[in-house]
Amino acid sequence: MKYGMTAELAELRAEVRAFVREHAPAVTPKAGVRSAEDAEELAVLKEWTRALFAAGHLGGDWPVEFGGNGPGHRFEHDVIVAEEIARHRAPAPVQGAANLVAHALIDYGTDTQRGAYLEGIRSGELIFCQLFSEPGAGSDLASLRTRAVPLDSGGYRITGQKVWTTNGQWADYGYLLARTDPDAPKHKGISAFLIDMRLPGVDVRPLREMTGTADFNEVFLDDVVIGADALIGEPNKGWAIANSSLSHERAGVANNAIRLQRNMSDVVDLARRIRRHGRPAIEDVAVQERIGELSAQVEALSALVYASLTRVSRGRSRVADAPMTKLMFSELGVAIASFALELSGEAGVFVGGDPEAVDNGRWQDEFLYARAYTIAGGSSEIMRNIIAERGLGLPR
């Protein structure tokens, strides 16, 4: 049964929907996972994040002593919040890697670390970035080469390079994976750290993308010295810590199907407004067939997402579930955005702000960013291999 179909969950969904409508900031929506464009927008997103936490719509699964909703919190609440934010086309909370960090600290951190960071996350004041991926270690993250060399003082000296770091230019702290035992098997010699992004030797360089914005960054770590209190959990246990914290991101997949449903609704509206040969494009049989085909695929994705989430909530998740939903979402996103650009014709290539741009350049932005989803979080090729080898038992 779909989330939100019981009376209790329907009431919760109505509450969340009303909250999002009332409190979501008036920030121009953009495709994908994006960073604030300036300090003013960042301040607005911080306040939005604080409001979501204060209302119990974020961090509800945290222990009560840290501000969570307690044992009565349900996984479906997180799913509904993610869906309603996507449905309203409201901006995502400016957490960066804050949710990952929070669960890493709750499960593995010290009392001092929890006291220093958790309240700042809930208030929206502290921004974290995720320092995991490297130029040679993306989908195969365990191949990372950034080194954390122990010092006699008890701290560490960090040297290496990270890339694809969302919110790196705004972050106060980074959630870092670095190799502490170069002789151990690659998954076992990694440790997890918190690193102050203002320390000497940390060089953040925004990457300007083809969307025209800089949402990702590359981060150079040149002999950055951190204290022993920056280590999360035990040395060489970083791989387990990272995977544990990533497991708390499951609800985020729920907004993917909603996002594409919303996009398809907008594409239908576009087809009604765009004229071909003197009449609305939607009257063209070929356009109708394409809309029907894409709409059916979006509904199939929605069914797959809900089936996967149901298994997760019951502790019965399957290894290929997440790769299947990720692959279908990213490839279908490209197809929908491509179709919208085709409908838009020549005017579809104009960017936002141009008077001739269709829907203020939205579909060009959707099209350009959709390609990123076929790489981010594991490329489509990697997803297909996981599905084939681990889901279907096919040979490598």
Protein backbone atom coordinates (compact mmCIF):
# COMPACT_ATOMS: atom_id res chain seq x y z
CA MET A 1 0.00 0.00 0.00
CA LYS A 2 1.29 3.43 -0.86
CA TYR A 3 2.53 5.72 1.84
CA GLY A 4 -0.16 8.20 2.86
CA MET A 5 -3.08 5.87 2.14
CA THR A 6 -3.96 5.13 5.79
CA ALA A 7 -6.02 7.71 7.65
CA GLU A 8 -3.12 8.43 10.02
CA LEU A 9 -0.60 8.97 7.26
CA ALA A 10 -3.08 10.96 5.17
CA GLU A 11 -3.49 13.32 8.14
CA LEU A 12 0.28 13.58 8.51
CA ARG A 13 0.67 14.28 4.80
CA ALA A 14 -1.91 17.07 4.97
CA GLU A 15 -0.04 18.59 7.91
CA VAL A 16 3.32 18.46 6.13
CA ARG A 17 1.84 19.79 2.88
CA ALA A 18 0.31 22.77 4.71
CA PHE A 19 3.61 23.45 6.48
CA VAL A 20 5.59 23.40 3.23
CA ARG A 21 3.11 25.70 1.50
CA GLU A 22 3.27 28.19 4.36
CA HIS A 23 6.97 28.17 5.16
CA ALA A 24 8.86 27.22 1.99
CA PRO A 25 11.01 30.16 0.89
CA ALA A 26 10.42 31.93 -2.41
CA VAL A 27 13.61 30.67 -4.02
CA THR A 28 13.53 30.11 -7.78
CA PRO A 29 13.45 26.31 -8.16
CA LYS A 30 16.27 24.65 -10.06
CA ALA A 31 16.78 21.09 -11.18
CA GLY A 32 18.76 18.69 -9.06
CA VAL A 33 20.87 19.17 -5.94
CA ARG A 34 22.06 22.76 -5.99
CA SER A 35 23.94 25.18 -3.74
CA ALA A 36 22.94 28.69 -2.75
CA GLU A 37 24.01 31.20 -5.37
CA ASP A 38 24.94 33.90 -2.85
CA ALA A 39 25.07 34.66 0.87
CA GLU A 40 21.56 36.11 0.86
CA GLU A 41 20.06 32.92 -0.56
CA LEU A 42 22.16 30.88 1.87
CA ALA A 43 20.64 32.74 4.83
CA VAL A 44 17.13 32.01 3.52
CA LEU A 45 17.91 28.31 3.13
CA LYS A 46 19.39 28.14 6.62
CA GLU A 47 16.17 29.54 8.07
CA TRP A 48 14.14 27.02 6.04
CA THR A 49 16.30 24.22 7.43
CA ARG A 50 15.84 25.50 10.99
CA ALA A 51 12.06 25.65 10.53
CA LEU A 52 11.90 22.05 9.27
CA PHE A 53 13.88 20.81 12.25
CA ALA A 54 11.84 22.88 14.71
CA ALA A 55 8.59 21.43 13.33
CA GLY A 56 9.91 17.88 13.70
CA HIS A 57 9.95 17.32 9.94
CA LEU A 58 13.73 16.82 9.92
CA GLY A 59 15.72 14.88 12.49
CA GLY A 60 12.64 13.07 13.76
CA ASP A 61 14.56 9.79 13.86
CA TRP A 62 17.20 11.23 16.21
CA PRO A 63 17.12 10.15 19.87
CA VAL A 64 14.87 12.32 22.05
CA GLU A 65 17.82 13.70 24.02
CA PHE A 66 19.14 15.26 20.82
CA GLY A 67 15.80 16.71 19.69
CA GLY A 68 14.25 13.75 17.87
CA ASN A 69 10.63 12.66 18.01
CA GLY A 70 11.28 9.53 20.03
CA PRO A 71 10.24 5.90 19.46
CA GLY A 72 6.91 7.00 18.01
CA HIS A 73 8.66 8.42 14.94
CA ARG A 74 7.87 6.50 11.79
CA PHE A 75 9.99 6.06 8.70
CA GLU A 76 6.96 7.06 6.61
CA HIS A 77 7.15 10.58 8.10
CA ASP A 78 10.55 11.12 6.47
CA VAL A 79 9.20 9.77 3.17
CA ILE A 80 6.22 12.11 3.24
CA VAL A 81 8.38 15.16 4.03
CA ALA A 82 10.73 14.38 1.11
CA GLU A 83 7.76 13.91 -1.21
CA GLU A 84 5.96 17.10 -0.23
CA ILE A 85 9.08 19.23 -0.59
CA ALA A 86 9.51 17.79 -4.10
CA ARG A 87 5.80 18.19 -4.92
CA HIS A 88 5.88 21.88 -3.96
CA ARG A 89 9.17 22.36 -5.87
CA ALA A 90 10.51 23.85 -2.63
CA PRO A 91 14.27 24.00 -2.12
CA ALA A 92 15.92 21.17 -0.25
CA PRO A 93 17.17 22.04 3.23
CA VAL A 94 20.72 23.33 3.15
CA GLN A 95 22.07 20.37 5.07
CA GLY A 96 24.82 19.32 2.74
CA ALA A 97 26.23 16.33 4.59
CA ALA A 98 24.74 17.40 7.94
CA ASN A 99 22.28 14.49 8.14
CA LEU A 100 25.08 12.03 7.45
CA VAL A 101 27.28 13.67 10.07
CA ALA A 102 24.48 13.72 12.64
CA HIS A 103 23.90 9.99 12.42
CA ALA A 104 27.63 9.25 12.39
CA LEU A 105 27.99 11.23 15.62
CA ILE A 106 24.84 9.81 17.23
CA ASP A 107 25.98 6.24 16.53
CA TYR A 108 29.77 6.54 16.84
CA GLY A 109 30.75 9.98 18.15
CA THR A 110 31.73 11.14 21.61
CA ASP A 111 29.52 13.15 23.95
CA THR A 112 31.79 16.13 23.33
CA GLN A 113 31.33 15.85 19.55
CA ARG A 114 27.57 15.50 19.84
CA GLY A 115 27.40 18.53 22.11
CA ALA A 116 29.54 20.58 19.75
CA TYR A 117 27.69 19.91 16.48
CA LEU A 118 24.17 18.49 16.78
CA GLU A 119 22.47 21.65 18.02
CA GLY A 120 24.14 23.69 15.28
CA ILE A 121 22.78 21.26 12.69
CA ARG A 122 19.24 21.56 14.05
CA SER A 123 19.43 25.36 14.07
CA GLY A 124 20.56 25.41 10.44
CA GLU A 125 23.66 27.36 11.39
CA LEU A 126 26.30 24.69 10.78
CA ILE A 127 26.76 23.55 7.20
CA PHE A 128 28.69 20.39 6.41
CA CYS A 129 30.03 19.07 3.14
CA GLN A 130 30.81 15.48 2.24
CA LEU A 131 34.50 14.88 1.53
CA PHE A 132 34.27 11.34 0.16
CA SER A 133 34.73 11.28 -3.65
CA GLU A 134 38.10 11.83 -5.30
CA PRO A 135 39.24 12.22 -8.93
CA GLY A 136 40.19 8.52 -8.98
CA ALA A 137 37.68 7.25 -6.42
CA GLY A 138 34.07 7.99 -7.29
CA SER A 139 31.92 4.93 -7.80
CA ASP A 140 34.79 2.86 -6.34
CA LEU A 141 35.08 4.99 -3.21
CA ALA A 142 37.22 2.46 -1.34
CA SER A 143 40.08 3.32 -3.73
CA LEU A 144 40.44 6.76 -2.13
CA ARG A 145 44.03 7.99 -1.71
CA THR A 146 43.72 10.94 0.67
CA ARG A 147 46.04 10.19 3.59
CA ALA A 148 45.64 10.91 7.30
CA VAL A 149 49.04 10.37 8.93
CA PRO A 150 49.04 10.08 12.75
CA LEU A 151 51.12 12.69 14.60
CA ASP A 152 53.01 12.26 17.85
CA SER A 153 50.64 14.83 19.37
CA GLY A 154 47.74 12.46 18.79
CA GLY A 155 46.29 14.34 15.84
CA TYR A 156 46.60 13.77 12.11
CA ARG A 157 48.12 15.41 9.04
CA ILE A 158 45.75 15.28 6.04
CA THR A 159 46.95 15.35 2.43
CA GLY A 160 44.86 14.71 -0.65
CA GLN A 161 42.17 15.94 -3.01
CA LYS A 162 38.37 15.62 -2.99
CA VAL A 163 35.90 16.48 -5.74
CA TRP A 164 32.15 16.80 -6.48
CA THR A 165 31.75 18.44 -3.08
CA THR A 166 28.29 20.04 -2.87
CA ASN A 167 28.17 23.14 -0.63
CA GLY A 168 31.93 23.04 -0.16
CA GLN A 169 32.15 26.80 -0.71
CA TRP A 170 29.64 27.40 2.13
CA ALA A 171 30.58 24.61 4.53
CA ASP A 172 31.81 25.18 8.07
CA TYR A 173 32.97 21.58 8.43
CA GLY A 174 33.63 18.59 6.22
CA TYR A 175 32.77 14.93 6.80
CA LEU A 176 36.01 13.35 5.60
CA LEU A 177 37.09 9.85 4.72
CA ALA A 178 40.85 9.36 4.59
CA ARG A 179 43.22 6.41 4.56
CA THR A 180 44.95 5.85 7.90
CA ASP A 181 46.44 2.41 7.20
CA PRO A 182 47.88 2.18 3.67
CA ASP A 183 48.85 -1.48 4.18
CA ALA A 184 45.35 -2.70 5.08
CA PRO A 185 42.85 -3.98 2.50
CA LYS A 186 41.29 -0.94 0.87
CA HIS A 187 37.98 -1.08 2.77
CA LYS A 188 39.66 -1.61 6.14
CA GLY A 189 42.30 1.12 6.28
CA ILE A 190 39.94 4.12 6.16
CA SER A 191 38.95 6.44 9.02
CA ALA A 192 36.22 9.07 9.35
CA PHE A 193 36.90 12.64 10.50
CA LEU A 194 35.33 16.04 10.98
CA ILE A 195 37.49 18.78 9.52
CA ASP A 196 37.18 22.54 9.97
CA MET A 197 37.01 23.97 6.44
CA ARG A 198 38.74 27.17 7.62
CA LEU A 199 41.96 25.42 8.65
CA PRO A 200 45.23 26.34 6.91
CA GLY A 201 45.85 24.09 3.93
CA VAL A 202 42.16 23.66 2.99
CA ASP A 203 41.64 25.10 -0.50
CA VAL A 204 38.07 25.04 -1.88
CA ARG A 205 37.71 25.70 -5.60
CA PRO A 206 34.17 25.97 -7.04
CA LEU A 207 33.56 24.09 -10.29
CA ARG A 208 31.48 26.05 -12.79
CA GLU A 209 29.13 23.62 -14.50
CA MET A 210 27.35 23.72 -17.84
CA THR A 211 24.21 24.85 -15.98
CA GLY A 212 26.05 28.13 -15.41
CA THR A 213 26.21 27.66 -11.64
CA ALA A 214 28.86 26.32 -9.25
CA ASP A 215 27.16 23.68 -7.11
CA PHE A 216 30.15 21.36 -6.82
CA ASN A 217 33.68 22.04 -5.69
CA GLU A 218 37.06 20.44 -5.66
CA VAL A 219 38.85 20.56 -2.31
CA PHE A 220 42.62 20.37 -1.90
CA LEU A 221 44.01 19.31 1.48
CA ASP A 222 47.65 20.33 1.77
CA ASP A 223 49.22 19.19 5.08
CA VAL A 224 46.09 20.06 7.06
CA VAL A 225 46.65 19.37 10.76
CA ILE A 226 43.64 18.23 12.81
CA GLY A 227 43.37 17.19 16.44
CA ALA A 228 42.66 13.72 17.78
CA ASP A 229 39.16 14.91 18.67
CA ALA A 230 38.38 15.19 14.94
CA LEU A 231 38.29 11.39 14.59
CA ILE A 232 34.79 9.85 14.51
CA GLY A 233 34.69 6.45 16.19
CA GLU A 234 37.69 4.14 16.07
CA PRO A 235 40.63 4.39 13.66
CA ASN A 236 40.27 2.33 10.47
CA LYS A 237 36.51 1.92 10.98
CA GLY A 238 35.54 4.73 8.61
CA TRP A 239 34.06 2.49 5.93
CA ALA A 240 31.53 0.99 8.34
CA ILE A 241 30.75 4.42 9.80
CA ALA A 242 30.17 5.95 6.36
CA ASN A 243 27.90 3.11 5.25
CA SER A 244 25.93 3.29 8.49
CA SER A 245 25.32 7.03 8.11
CA LEU A 246 24.42 6.65 4.41
CA SER A 247 21.75 4.10 5.34
CA HIS A 248 19.78 6.93 6.97
CA GLU A 249 19.37 8.62 3.56
CA ARG A 250 16.81 6.06 2.36
CA ALA A 251 13.80 8.39 2.49
CA GLY A 252 15.39 10.73 -0.05
CA VAL A 253 14.64 8.28 -2.85
CA ALA A 254 10.93 8.97 -2.26
CA ASN A 255 11.13 12.43 -3.80
CA ASN A 256 12.53 11.09 -7.06
CA ALA A 257 9.26 9.66 -8.34
CA ILE A 258 7.32 12.71 -7.14
CA ARG A 259 9.79 15.00 -8.91
CA LEU A 260 9.31 13.18 -12.20
CA GLN A 261 5.53 13.08 -11.76
CA ARG A 262 5.60 16.83 -11.29
CA ASN A 263 7.82 17.23 -14.34
CA MET A 264 5.47 15.13 -16.47
CA SER A 265 2.50 17.22 -15.37
CA ASP A 266 4.40 20.33 -16.40
CA VAL A 267 5.36 18.75 -19.73
CA VAL A 268 1.68 18.09 -20.48
CA ASP A 269 0.95 21.74 -19.70
CA LEU A 270 3.81 22.74 -21.99
CA ALA A 271 2.37 20.60 -24.80
CA ARG A 272 -0.93 22.44 -24.42
CA ARG A 273 0.76 25.84 -24.70
CA ILE A 274 3.27 25.14 -27.49
CA ARG A 275 1.78 25.36 -30.95
CA ARG A 276 2.72 23.21 -33.94
CA HIS A 277 1.32 23.97 -37.40
CA GLY A 278 -1.14 26.41 -35.87
CA ARG A 279 -2.58 24.14 -33.19
CA PRO A 280 -1.54 22.94 -29.70
CA ALA A 281 1.21 20.35 -29.79
CA ILE A 282 -0.79 18.04 -27.54
CA GLU A 283 -3.22 17.43 -30.41
CA ASP A 284 -0.41 15.71 -32.32
CA VAL A 285 -0.79 11.92 -32.06
CA ALA A 286 2.98 11.42 -31.83
CA VAL A 287 3.14 13.84 -28.89
CA GLN A 288 0.25 12.03 -27.19
CA GLU A 289 2.00 8.68 -27.61
CA ARG A 290 5.24 10.00 -26.17
CA ILE A 291 3.42 11.54 -23.19
CA GLY A 292 1.65 8.23 -22.58
CA GLU A 293 4.90 6.26 -22.80
CA LEU A 294 6.79 8.53 -20.39
CA SER A 295 3.86 8.79 -17.98
CA ALA A 296 3.60 5.00 -17.80
CA GLN A 297 7.30 4.75 -17.02
CA VAL A 298 6.99 7.35 -14.26
CA GLU A 299 4.14 5.38 -12.68
CA ALA A 300 6.23 2.21 -12.92
CA LEU A 301 9.06 4.00 -11.13
CA SER A 302 6.65 5.16 -8.44
CA ALA A 303 5.48 1.57 -7.87
CA LEU A 304 9.11 0.39 -7.71
CA VAL A 305 10.03 3.10 -5.20
CA TYR A 306 7.12 2.32 -2.88
CA ALA A 307 7.76 -1.42 -3.06
CA SER A 308 11.41 -0.82 -2.20
CA LEU A 309 10.57 1.52 0.70
CA THR A 310 8.04 -0.96 2.06
CA ARG A 311 10.69 -3.67 2.11
CA VAL A 312 13.15 -1.30 3.80
CA SER A 313 10.67 -0.36 6.54
CA ARG A 314 10.08 -4.08 7.21
CA GLY A 315 13.78 -4.94 7.25
CA ARG A 316 13.55 -6.94 4.01
CA SER A 317 15.46 -4.75 1.57
CA ARG A 318 17.09 -6.39 -1.44
CA VAL A 319 20.53 -5.57 -2.74
CA ALA A 320 19.29 -4.53 -6.21
CA ASP A 321 16.36 -2.35 -5.06
CA ALA A 322 18.26 0.91 -4.67
CA PRO A 323 20.29 0.49 -7.90
CA MET A 324 17.09 -0.25 -9.86
CA THR A 325 15.27 2.86 -8.63
CA LYS A 326 18.36 5.02 -9.09
CA LEU A 327 18.96 3.77 -12.64
CA MET A 328 15.35 4.19 -13.69
CA PHE A 329 15.04 7.65 -12.15
CA SER A 330 18.20 9.04 -13.73
CA GLU A 331 17.62 7.64 -17.22
CA LEU A 332 13.94 8.62 -17.22
CA GLY A 333 14.84 12.12 -16.07
CA VAL A 334 16.99 12.59 -19.17
CA ALA A 335 14.20 11.31 -21.42
CA ILE A 336 11.58 13.66 -19.94
CA ALA A 337 13.83 16.73 -20.10
CA SER A 338 14.85 15.87 -23.68
CA PHE A 339 11.20 15.60 -24.71
CA ALA A 340 10.41 18.96 -23.08
CA LEU A 341 13.24 20.60 -25.04
CA GLU A 342 11.96 19.03 -28.27
CA LEU A 343 8.51 20.47 -27.58
CA SER A 344 10.02 23.89 -26.82
CA GLY A 345 11.74 24.09 -30.20
CA GLU A 346 14.48 26.66 -30.81
CA ALA A 347 13.34 28.82 -27.88
CA GLY A 348 14.12 25.94 -25.54
CA VAL A 349 17.84 26.69 -25.65
CA PHE A 350 17.47 30.18 -24.15
CA VAL A 351 18.49 30.53 -20.50
CA GLY A 352 16.51 32.00 -17.63
CA GLY A 353 16.14 35.75 -17.81
CA ASP A 354 16.00 35.82 -21.61
CA PRO A 355 12.60 37.15 -22.73
CA GLU A 356 12.36 34.43 -25.38
CA ALA A 357 13.13 31.57 -22.98
CA VAL A 358 10.43 28.95 -22.54
CA ASP A 359 9.32 28.75 -18.89
CA ASN A 360 12.23 31.03 -17.95
CA GLY A 361 14.79 28.49 -19.19
CA ARG A 362 13.59 25.73 -16.90
CA TRP A 363 13.76 22.90 -19.41
CA GLN A 364 17.24 23.73 -20.54
CA ASP A 365 18.31 23.63 -16.88
CA GLU A 366 16.46 20.33 -16.35
CA PHE A 367 18.09 18.83 -19.44
CA LEU A 368 21.62 19.86 -18.54
CA TYR A 369 21.34 18.72 -14.93
CA ALA A 370 19.60 15.44 -15.77
CA ARG A 371 22.87 14.15 -17.22
CA ALA A 372 24.52 14.63 -13.83
CA TYR A 373 22.11 12.16 -12.26
CA THR A 374 23.35 9.43 -14.61
CA ILE A 375 26.77 9.79 -12.96
CA ALA A 376 26.18 11.08 -9.40
CA GLY A 377 25.61 8.46 -6.74
CA GLY A 378 26.96 5.74 -9.01
CA SER A 379 26.89 5.87 -12.79
CA SER A 380 24.22 4.08 -14.82
CA GLU A 381 26.86 1.57 -15.94
CA ILE A 382 27.77 0.80 -12.33
CA MET A 383 24.09 0.43 -11.42
CA ARG A 384 23.54 -2.03 -14.26
CA ASN A 385 26.52 -4.10 -13.12
CA ILE A 386 25.23 -4.22 -9.54
CA ILE A 387 21.76 -5.26 -10.69
CA ALA A 388 23.21 -7.94 -12.97
CA GLU A 389 25.83 -9.38 -10.62
CA ARG A 390 24.27 -8.99 -7.16
CA GLY A 391 20.58 -8.96 -8.07
CA LEU A 392 20.45 -11.52 -10.88
CA GLY A 393 23.56 -13.54 -10.03
CA LEU A 394 25.11 -13.07 -13.47
CA PRO A 395 28.89 -13.50 -13.93
CA ARG A 396 31.15 -10.46 -13.75
